[in-house]
Amino acid sequence: MCRAVLESEDGQATAAGVNDGIIYLMALPYILVGGIAFFIYKKFSKANAE
């Protein structure tokens, strides 16, 4: 249903917004997991250096 509404619209501004939202929702978990992994790595790296 969303696809039909987005294809029928003339300006395509809503379609671009939906695509941006999909990219945001897809990337956010990877960024969070990567950030957590980085901090864990730094913590253990610092502990091993001492």
N, C-alpha and C. Protein backbone atom coordinates (compact mmCIF):
# COMPACT_ATOMS: atom_id res chain seq x y z
N MET A 1 0.83 -1.18 0.00
CA MET A 1 0.00 0.00 0.00
C MET A 1 0.88 1.26 0.00
N CYS A 2 1.92 1.25 0.79
CA CYS A 2 2.83 2.40 0.81
C CYS A 2 3.44 2.61 -0.57
N ARG A 3 3.81 1.52 -1.19
CA ARG A 3 4.43 1.61 -2.52
C ARG A 3 3.48 2.24 -3.53
N ALA A 4 2.21 1.85 -3.49
CA ALA A 4 1.23 2.40 -4.43
C ALA A 4 1.05 3.89 -4.21
N VAL A 5 1.01 4.33 -2.98
CA VAL A 5 0.83 5.75 -2.68
C VAL A 5 2.06 6.53 -3.14
N LEU A 6 3.25 5.98 -2.88
CA LEU A 6 4.47 6.69 -3.25
C LEU A 6 4.66 6.77 -4.75
N GLU A 7 4.25 5.73 -5.49
CA GLU A 7 4.38 5.75 -6.94
C GLU A 7 3.39 6.69 -7.60
N SER A 8 2.24 6.90 -6.98
CA SER A 8 1.22 7.74 -7.59
C SER A 8 1.44 9.23 -7.32
N GLU A 9 2.33 9.56 -6.42
CA GLU A 9 2.56 10.96 -6.08
C GLU A 9 3.39 11.65 -7.17
N ASP A 10 3.08 12.92 -7.44
CA ASP A 10 3.76 13.65 -8.50
C ASP A 10 5.13 14.17 -8.07
N GLY A 11 5.24 14.74 -6.87
CA GLY A 11 6.46 15.41 -6.46
C GLY A 11 7.59 14.49 -6.07
N GLN A 12 7.29 13.30 -5.65
CA GLN A 12 8.27 12.30 -5.20
C GLN A 12 9.04 12.75 -3.96
N ALA A 13 8.62 13.82 -3.30
CA ALA A 13 9.28 14.26 -2.08
C ALA A 13 9.01 13.28 -0.95
N THR A 14 7.81 12.75 -0.88
CA THR A 14 7.48 11.78 0.16
C THR A 14 8.27 10.50 -0.04
N ALA A 15 8.44 10.07 -1.28
CA ALA A 15 9.21 8.87 -1.56
C ALA A 15 10.66 9.04 -1.12
N ALA A 16 11.22 10.20 -1.35
CA ALA A 16 12.60 10.46 -0.92
C ALA A 16 12.69 10.44 0.60
N GLY A 17 11.69 10.98 1.26
CA GLY A 17 11.68 10.96 2.73
C GLY A 17 11.57 9.56 3.28
N VAL A 18 10.74 8.73 2.67
CA VAL A 18 10.61 7.34 3.10
C VAL A 18 11.92 6.60 2.89
N ASN A 19 12.57 6.82 1.76
CA ASN A 19 13.85 6.17 1.49
C ASN A 19 14.91 6.60 2.51
N ASP A 20 14.94 7.88 2.86
CA ASP A 20 15.89 8.35 3.86
C ASP A 20 15.61 7.71 5.22
N GLY A 21 14.33 7.56 5.55
CA GLY A 21 13.97 6.92 6.81
C GLY A 21 14.39 5.46 6.85
N ILE A 22 14.27 4.77 5.75
CA ILE A 22 14.68 3.37 5.68
C ILE A 22 16.18 3.26 5.88
N ILE A 23 16.95 4.13 5.24
CA ILE A 23 18.40 4.12 5.40
C ILE A 23 18.78 4.41 6.85
N TYR A 24 18.12 5.37 7.46
CA TYR A 24 18.39 5.72 8.86
C TYR A 24 18.11 4.53 9.77
N LEU A 25 16.97 3.89 9.61
CA LEU A 25 16.62 2.76 10.45
C LEU A 25 17.51 1.56 10.21
N MET A 26 18.02 1.41 9.01
CA MET A 26 18.90 0.30 8.69
C MET A 26 20.30 0.52 9.27
N ALA A 27 20.78 1.75 9.25
CA ALA A 27 22.15 2.03 9.67
C ALA A 27 22.30 2.17 11.18
N LEU A 28 21.28 2.60 11.86
CA LEU A 28 21.39 2.88 13.29
C LEU A 28 21.85 1.69 14.12
N PRO A 29 21.31 0.49 13.95
CA PRO A 29 21.80 -0.64 14.76
C PRO A 29 23.27 -0.95 14.52
N TYR A 30 23.74 -0.82 13.29
CA TYR A 30 25.14 -1.08 13.00
C TYR A 30 26.04 -0.05 13.68
N ILE A 31 25.61 1.19 13.68
CA ILE A 31 26.40 2.24 14.33
C ILE A 31 26.45 2.01 15.84
N LEU A 32 25.33 1.65 16.44
CA LEU A 32 25.30 1.40 17.88
C LEU A 32 26.18 0.21 18.26
N VAL A 33 26.05 -0.89 17.55
CA VAL A 33 26.85 -2.08 17.85
C VAL A 33 28.33 -1.80 17.61
N GLY A 34 28.65 -1.08 16.56
CA GLY A 34 30.04 -0.72 16.29
C GLY A 34 30.61 0.16 17.39
N GLY A 35 29.84 1.11 17.86
CA GLY A 35 30.30 1.98 18.94
C GLY A 35 30.53 1.22 20.23
N ILE A 36 29.62 0.33 20.57
CA ILE A 36 29.78 -0.49 21.78
C ILE A 36 31.00 -1.39 21.66
N ALA A 37 31.18 -2.01 20.50
CA ALA A 37 32.35 -2.88 20.29
C ALA A 37 33.64 -2.07 20.38
N PHE A 38 33.64 -0.86 19.87
CA PHE A 38 34.83 -0.01 19.94
C PHE A 38 35.18 0.30 21.39
N PHE A 39 34.20 0.67 22.21
CA PHE A 39 34.48 0.99 23.60
C PHE A 39 34.94 -0.24 24.39
N ILE A 40 34.37 -1.40 24.09
CA ILE A 40 34.81 -2.63 24.75
C ILE A 40 36.25 -2.94 24.34
N TYR A 41 36.57 -2.79 23.08
CA TYR A 41 37.93 -3.02 22.60
C TYR A 41 38.92 -2.09 23.29
N LYS A 42 38.56 -0.80 23.36
CA LYS A 42 39.45 0.16 24.00
C LYS A 42 39.65 -0.17 25.48
N LYS A 43 38.58 -0.61 26.16
CA LYS A 43 38.67 -0.93 27.57
C LYS A 43 39.62 -2.11 27.79
N PHE A 44 39.46 -3.17 27.01
CA PHE A 44 40.32 -4.34 27.18
C PHE A 44 41.74 -4.08 26.66
N SER A 45 41.88 -3.27 25.66
CA SER A 45 43.18 -2.92 25.14
C SER A 45 43.97 -2.14 26.18
N LYS A 46 43.31 -1.22 26.85
CA LYS A 46 43.95 -0.42 27.89
C LYS A 46 44.31 -1.28 29.09
N ALA A 47 43.46 -2.24 29.46
CA ALA A 47 43.71 -3.12 30.59
C ALA A 47 44.90 -4.03 30.31
N ASN A 48 45.05 -4.49 29.08
CA ASN A 48 46.17 -5.36 28.72
C ASN A 48 47.49 -4.61 28.64
N ALA A 49 47.46 -3.33 28.33
CA ALA A 49 48.67 -2.53 28.21
C ALA A 49 49.28 -2.26 29.59
N GLU A 50 48.43 -2.22 30.61
CA GLU A 50 48.93 -1.93 31.96
C GLU A 50 49.40 -3.13 32.62
